[in-house]
Amino acid sequence: MTRPIVVPLDGSALAIAALPRAGMIATFLKEPIHLVRVHVPVLAYSAAESPVAFPDPAWDTSVREAAQKWLIETAAKAAADLKVKVTWELRVGSPSEEVVAAATERNAHTIVCTTHGHGGWAAQWLGSVADAIIRHSPCPVLAMSEDALAGPAGIAHILVPLDGSQTAAAIVPHVRELALAAKATVDLFRVVAPPWVGDAVTAVQSGMIDRFGVDPAADIAKTELDRVAEDLRYAGIHTTTLVEVATNPTRAIIDRIGESKPDLVAMSTHGRGLSRLFMGSVADKVLRAGGRPVFCWRPPREISDEADAVGMFATSVSGPAA
């Protein structure tokens, strides 16, 4: 049974720009691409004193037929350019709901999409459609900003930020599969953040007494990261590990992206409770400021363990007992 790579399209050139990377993943995994365009019914407005919205069947049919014609032509061109099987589907309704439904019905492997465009993919995409897709998607979502699209389309180097939680580690099996298919190297990265007690920066300076237990915490984080790396290495994936002490985990991740220049950043997301702040902070900042495609996965509730994740992608260090 095939597990297609689903690509949501809205008719914009930016949305179509997701196709080369979708084609690359489809080629690596030997899977087809499934294009999805969602038609939102067109409304006309009466000229009465109190305007009333009502469906205009003729106008709506014309717009839907034009969208379907465009989708058929786009699918044919993508199949010829990417040398993979391409299917298409025009759905009607809410963009995020229909994209998720299409991916669920077809047991999709990955959803690949850009973060801007027009229509359903507006400038606030991350705050609406993308956020909804990532929270409800049955599979990982590869999201790309305009800056990310400007980079090379390969997947030779994957950066994986972890925080020691089961939720963060849930991305690893997906990374393993992709890295094996693409013959990519994997960098595991973890941040240990000292508490904001007095001058936290001074507390971790070289030669100073480690009053807040940062060094032991970093050692524990390195041991845990090495365990994850061992599993990946056993599978035949070249894997490196790095633990960094930083007062701003998000900035540390973005700096690491700038230094290592990965082709892809892979991370799990939390989809409920306080951890929903992730979509408004770490993921948003990494996607917008990192300049790299972000491979996101929100694990099922039975895997998610937000209670043990005090801060996304950071190990918080407690001070000594009084």
Protein backbone atom coordinates (compact mmCIF):
# COMPACT_ATOMS: atom_id res chain seq x y z
CA MET A 1 0.00 0.00 0.00
CA THR A 2 1.38 3.39 -0.97
CA ARG A 3 1.83 6.26 1.47
CA PRO A 4 1.76 9.39 -0.69
CA ILE A 5 3.46 12.70 -0.10
CA VAL A 6 0.58 15.17 0.17
CA VAL A 7 1.16 18.67 -1.19
CA PRO A 8 -1.52 21.33 -0.51
CA LEU A 9 -1.77 23.90 -3.30
CA ASP A 10 -3.70 27.16 -3.57
CA GLY A 11 -2.84 28.27 -7.09
CA SER A 12 0.12 30.44 -6.04
CA ALA A 13 3.68 30.13 -7.31
CA LEU A 14 4.95 29.95 -3.74
CA ALA A 15 2.79 26.93 -2.97
CA ILE A 16 4.04 25.21 -6.13
CA ALA A 17 7.61 25.85 -4.92
CA ALA A 18 7.08 23.01 -2.42
CA LEU A 19 6.97 20.47 -5.25
CA PRO A 20 10.74 19.95 -5.80
CA ARG A 21 11.26 18.92 -2.17
CA ALA A 22 8.12 16.82 -2.23
CA GLY A 23 9.43 15.14 -5.36
CA MET A 24 12.79 14.51 -3.71
CA ILE A 25 11.17 12.86 -0.68
CA ALA A 26 8.86 10.85 -2.94
CA THR A 27 11.86 9.64 -4.93
CA PHE A 28 13.82 8.66 -1.80
CA LEU A 29 10.87 6.77 -0.35
CA LYS A 30 9.57 5.46 -3.69
CA GLU A 31 6.14 6.92 -2.99
CA PRO A 32 3.74 8.95 -5.18
CA ILE A 33 2.78 12.60 -4.73
CA HIS A 34 -0.84 13.56 -4.11
CA LEU A 35 -1.79 17.18 -4.83
CA VAL A 36 -4.68 18.66 -2.87
CA ARG A 37 -6.41 21.91 -3.67
CA VAL A 38 -9.26 23.04 -1.45
CA HIS A 39 -12.06 25.05 -2.98
CA VAL A 40 -13.82 27.38 -0.58
CA PRO A 41 -17.35 28.04 -1.92
CA VAL A 42 -17.71 31.51 -3.39
CA LEU A 43 -20.33 33.83 -1.92
CA ALA A 44 -22.11 36.68 -3.64
CA TYR A 45 -23.64 39.62 -1.76
CA SER A 46 -27.01 41.20 -2.35
CA ALA A 47 -27.23 44.93 -2.96
CA ALA A 48 -30.00 45.33 -0.43
CA GLU A 49 -29.82 47.88 2.36
CA SER A 50 -28.64 45.08 4.67
CA PRO A 51 -26.32 42.92 2.49
CA VAL A 52 -26.89 39.20 2.79
CA ALA A 53 -24.35 36.58 1.72
CA PHE A 54 -25.71 33.75 -0.35
CA PRO A 55 -24.18 31.06 -2.58
CA ASP A 56 -23.88 31.97 -6.24
CA PRO A 57 -24.00 28.56 -8.00
CA ALA A 58 -22.86 29.80 -11.41
CA TRP A 59 -19.93 31.80 -10.07
CA ASP A 60 -18.94 29.04 -7.68
CA THR A 61 -19.04 26.41 -10.44
CA SER A 62 -16.88 28.57 -12.70
CA VAL A 63 -14.24 29.10 -10.02
CA ARG A 64 -14.23 25.41 -9.07
CA GLU A 65 -13.86 24.30 -12.68
CA ALA A 66 -10.97 26.71 -13.21
CA ALA A 67 -9.27 25.38 -10.07
CA GLN A 68 -9.69 21.79 -11.24
CA LYS A 69 -8.30 22.58 -14.71
CA TRP A 70 -5.28 24.24 -13.10
CA LEU A 71 -4.79 21.26 -10.79
CA ILE A 72 -4.88 18.76 -13.66
CA GLU A 73 -2.31 20.76 -15.62
CA THR A 74 -0.09 21.19 -12.53
CA ALA A 75 -0.19 17.46 -11.78
CA ALA A 76 0.79 16.58 -15.36
CA LYS A 77 3.71 19.01 -15.33
CA ALA A 78 4.88 17.83 -11.89
CA ALA A 79 4.84 14.19 -13.01
CA ALA A 80 6.94 15.05 -16.06
CA ASP A 81 9.40 17.27 -14.16
CA LEU A 82 9.80 15.16 -11.02
CA LYS A 83 9.64 11.72 -12.67
CA VAL A 84 7.25 10.38 -10.01
CA LYS A 85 3.61 9.35 -10.06
CA VAL A 86 1.35 12.33 -9.28
CA THR A 87 -2.33 12.18 -8.43
CA TRP A 88 -4.61 15.09 -7.64
CA GLU A 89 -7.78 15.89 -5.76
CA LEU A 90 -10.03 18.96 -5.53
CA ARG A 91 -11.88 19.13 -2.23
CA VAL A 92 -14.48 21.58 -0.96
CA GLY A 93 -14.53 23.09 2.52
CA SER A 94 -12.07 24.38 5.12
CA PRO A 95 -8.44 24.24 3.85
CA SER A 96 -6.86 22.85 7.02
CA GLU A 97 -9.63 20.32 7.67
CA GLU A 98 -9.67 19.06 4.09
CA VAL A 99 -5.89 18.75 3.84
CA VAL A 100 -5.83 16.72 7.06
CA ALA A 101 -8.74 14.60 5.84
CA ALA A 102 -7.00 13.90 2.53
CA ALA A 103 -3.80 12.88 4.33
CA THR A 104 -5.73 10.68 6.76
CA GLU A 105 -7.77 8.93 4.07
CA ARG A 106 -4.65 8.09 2.08
CA ASN A 107 -2.43 7.18 5.03
CA ALA A 108 0.00 9.88 3.87
CA HIS A 109 3.66 9.65 4.73
CA THR A 110 4.29 13.43 4.88
CA ILE A 111 2.54 16.70 4.11
CA VAL A 112 4.87 19.13 2.32
CA CYS A 113 3.85 22.78 2.13
CA THR A 114 4.99 26.38 2.07
CA THR A 115 4.09 28.95 4.69
CA HIS A 116 2.71 31.78 2.58
CA GLY A 117 0.59 32.29 -0.51
CA HIS A 118 -2.92 33.55 -1.04
CA GLY A 119 -6.42 32.37 -0.31
CA GLY A 120 -6.21 29.70 2.37
CA TRP A 121 -2.46 30.13 2.68
CA ALA A 122 -2.37 33.74 3.83
CA ALA A 123 0.38 35.71 5.53
CA GLN A 124 -0.73 34.44 8.95
CA TRP A 125 -0.48 30.82 7.75
CA LEU A 126 1.42 29.63 10.81
CA GLY A 127 -1.19 31.07 13.12
CA SER A 128 -4.11 29.41 11.35
CA VAL A 129 -3.89 26.82 8.57
CA ALA A 130 -0.41 25.47 9.31
CA ASP A 131 -0.99 25.40 13.04
CA ALA A 132 -4.22 23.47 12.52
CA ILE A 133 -2.63 21.05 10.05
CA ILE A 134 0.33 20.31 12.31
CA ARG A 135 -1.89 19.84 15.36
CA HIS A 136 -4.23 17.44 13.58
CA SER A 137 -2.07 15.85 10.88
CA PRO A 138 -1.77 12.05 11.01
CA CYS A 139 1.78 12.33 9.66
CA PRO A 140 4.80 14.67 9.83
CA VAL A 141 4.56 18.04 8.09
CA LEU A 142 7.47 19.58 6.19
CA ALA A 143 6.87 23.34 6.40
CA MET A 144 8.98 25.82 4.46
CA SER A 145 9.29 29.59 4.65
CA GLU A 146 10.31 31.71 1.67
CA ASP A 147 13.89 31.84 3.00
CA ALA A 148 13.96 28.06 3.33
CA LEU A 149 12.84 27.68 -0.27
CA ALA A 150 15.81 29.75 -1.41
CA GLY A 151 18.25 27.11 -0.17
CA PRO A 152 19.32 23.83 -1.81
CA ALA A 153 16.68 21.10 -2.05
CA GLY A 154 18.83 18.22 -0.78
CA ILE A 155 18.45 16.22 2.43
CA ALA A 156 22.03 15.31 3.25
CA HIS A 157 22.17 16.81 6.74
CA ILE A 158 19.38 16.77 9.36
CA LEU A 159 19.49 18.70 12.66
CA VAL A 160 17.32 17.27 15.45
CA PRO A 161 16.83 19.43 18.60
CA LEU A 162 15.81 17.29 21.60
CA ASP A 163 14.94 18.12 25.21
CA GLY A 164 14.96 14.75 26.98
CA SER A 165 11.18 14.27 26.80
CA GLN A 166 9.38 11.41 25.09
CA THR A 167 7.46 13.94 23.04
CA ALA A 168 10.61 15.46 21.54
CA ALA A 169 12.08 11.99 20.94
CA ALA A 170 8.95 10.96 19.00
CA ILE A 171 10.42 12.64 15.90
CA VAL A 172 13.42 10.27 15.90
CA PRO A 173 11.76 7.27 14.16
CA HIS A 174 10.60 9.57 11.35
CA VAL A 175 14.10 11.03 11.09
CA ARG A 176 15.58 7.53 11.01
CA GLU A 177 13.39 6.51 8.07
CA LEU A 178 14.10 9.69 6.13
CA ALA A 179 17.84 9.64 6.86
CA LEU A 180 18.17 6.03 5.74
CA ALA A 181 16.27 6.70 2.51
CA ALA A 182 18.23 9.88 1.76
CA LYS A 183 21.58 8.57 3.10
CA ALA A 184 21.71 11.67 5.30
CA THR A 185 23.77 12.44 8.39
CA VAL A 186 22.00 13.39 11.61
CA ASP A 187 23.06 15.92 14.26
CA LEU A 188 21.35 15.58 17.65
CA PHE A 189 21.33 18.84 19.60
CA ARG A 190 20.29 19.53 23.17
CA VAL A 191 20.34 22.71 25.24
CA VAL A 192 20.92 22.85 29.00
CA ALA A 193 19.60 26.12 30.38
CA PRO A 194 20.76 27.44 33.78
CA PRO A 195 18.09 29.01 36.01
CA TRP A 196 17.70 32.75 36.15
CA VAL A 197 19.07 33.02 39.70
CA GLY A 198 21.36 35.99 40.00
CA ASP A 199 23.81 36.20 37.11
CA ALA A 200 23.20 32.92 35.27
CA VAL A 201 25.72 33.80 32.59
CA THR A 202 28.44 34.36 35.16
CA ALA A 203 27.51 31.06 36.82
CA VAL A 204 28.59 29.09 33.76
CA GLN A 205 31.78 30.99 32.96
CA SER A 206 34.95 28.96 32.69
CA GLY A 207 36.79 28.59 35.98
CA MET A 208 33.81 29.52 38.14
CA ILE A 209 32.30 27.23 40.75
CA ASP A 210 29.30 25.41 39.27
CA ARG A 211 26.84 26.66 41.91
CA PHE A 212 23.74 25.66 39.98
CA GLY A 213 24.67 22.11 38.98
CA VAL A 214 24.95 22.92 35.27
CA ASP A 215 27.88 20.59 34.63
CA PRO A 216 26.20 17.43 36.02
CA ALA A 217 23.03 18.28 34.10
CA ALA A 218 25.01 18.68 30.90
CA ASP A 219 26.72 15.33 31.52
CA ILE A 220 23.34 13.63 32.01
CA ALA A 221 21.99 15.27 28.85
CA LYS A 222 25.05 14.08 26.89
CA THR A 223 24.56 10.51 28.13
CA GLU A 224 20.88 10.55 27.16
CA LEU A 225 21.69 12.04 23.75
CA ASP A 226 24.34 9.38 23.15
CA ARG A 227 21.74 6.66 23.77
CA VAL A 228 19.58 8.08 20.99
CA ALA A 229 22.62 8.37 18.75
CA GLU A 230 23.57 4.73 19.34
CA ASP A 231 20.24 3.55 17.95
CA LEU A 232 20.67 5.68 14.84
CA ARG A 233 24.27 4.55 14.35
CA TYR A 234 23.20 0.94 14.74
CA ALA A 235 20.81 1.52 11.83
CA GLY A 236 23.77 2.72 9.76
CA ILE A 237 23.22 6.48 10.05
CA HIS A 238 26.22 8.74 10.67
CA THR A 239 25.17 10.61 13.82
CA THR A 240 26.80 13.33 15.94
CA THR A 241 25.73 14.77 19.29
CA LEU A 242 26.17 18.16 20.90
CA VAL A 243 25.03 19.52 24.26
CA GLU A 244 25.24 23.27 24.75
CA VAL A 245 24.69 25.41 27.84
CA ALA A 246 22.66 28.49 26.92
CA THR A 247 20.32 30.91 28.62
CA ASN A 248 18.08 31.16 25.55
CA PRO A 249 17.31 27.71 24.08
CA THR A 250 15.47 29.07 21.04
CA ARG A 251 18.37 31.37 20.15
CA ALA A 252 20.79 28.49 20.69
CA ILE A 253 18.86 26.35 18.19
CA ILE A 254 18.78 29.14 15.60
CA ASP A 255 22.50 29.82 16.12
CA ARG A 256 23.22 26.11 15.70
CA ILE A 257 21.28 26.14 12.44
CA GLY A 258 23.40 29.04 11.24
CA GLU A 259 26.63 27.29 12.21
CA SER A 260 25.87 23.79 10.92
CA LYS A 261 23.65 24.77 7.95
CA PRO A 262 21.47 21.64 7.93
CA ASP A 263 19.24 20.87 4.97
CA LEU A 264 16.40 20.09 7.35
CA VAL A 265 15.48 20.77 10.99
CA ALA A 266 13.34 17.99 12.52
CA MET A 267 11.38 18.50 15.73
CA SER A 268 8.30 17.28 17.54
CA THR A 269 5.58 19.69 18.56
CA HIS A 270 3.20 19.69 21.50
CA GLY A 271 -0.43 20.19 20.59
CA ARG A 272 -2.33 20.98 23.76
CA GLY A 273 -2.19 22.76 27.11
CA LEU A 274 0.66 25.12 27.94
CA SER A 275 2.89 23.36 25.43
CA ARG A 276 0.79 24.91 22.65
CA LEU A 277 3.05 27.90 23.23
CA PHE A 278 5.57 25.94 21.17
CA MET A 279 3.77 26.80 17.97
CA GLY A 280 3.89 30.46 18.89
CA SER A 281 7.51 30.49 19.96
CA VAL A 282 10.11 27.85 19.15
CA ALA A 283 8.62 26.37 15.97
CA ASP A 284 7.52 29.75 14.70
CA LYS A 285 10.92 31.33 15.32
CA VAL A 286 12.88 28.40 13.91
CA LEU A 287 10.72 28.34 10.80
CA ARG A 288 10.81 32.09 10.28
CA ALA A 289 14.37 32.85 11.41
CA GLY A 290 16.16 29.57 10.77
CA GLY A 291 15.98 29.74 6.99
CA ARG A 292 15.61 25.96 6.74
CA PRO A 293 12.70 23.58 6.07
CA VAL A 294 11.19 22.34 9.34
CA PHE A 295 10.02 18.73 9.60
CA CYS A 296 7.32 18.84 12.30
CA TRP A 297 5.49 16.01 14.03
CA ARG A 298 2.88 16.18 16.74
CA PRO A 299 2.84 12.75 18.38
CA PRO A 300 -0.41 11.16 19.57
CA ARG A 301 -1.59 11.97 23.08
CA GLU A 302 -0.48 8.59 24.40
CA ILE A 303 3.11 9.43 23.44
CA SER A 304 3.04 13.07 24.48
CA ASP A 305 4.35 13.72 27.97
CA GLU A 306 4.26 17.48 28.31
CA ALA A 307 4.42 17.16 32.11
CA ASP A 308 8.09 16.25 31.98
CA ALA A 309 9.02 18.97 29.47
CA VAL A 310 9.54 22.07 31.60
CA GLY A 311 10.74 24.09 28.62
CA MET A 312 10.80 23.19 24.95
CA PHE A 313 14.19 21.94 23.87
CA ALA A 314 15.82 22.89 27.16
CA THR A 315 16.87 21.03 30.27
CA SER A 316 16.16 23.31 33.20
CA VAL A 317 18.67 23.11 36.01
CA SER A 318 17.53 23.59 39.60
CA GLY A 319 19.70 25.35 42.11
CA PRO A 320 21.10 23.59 45.18
CA ALA A 321 18.68 22.79 47.98
CA ALA A 322 18.59 25.35 50.75
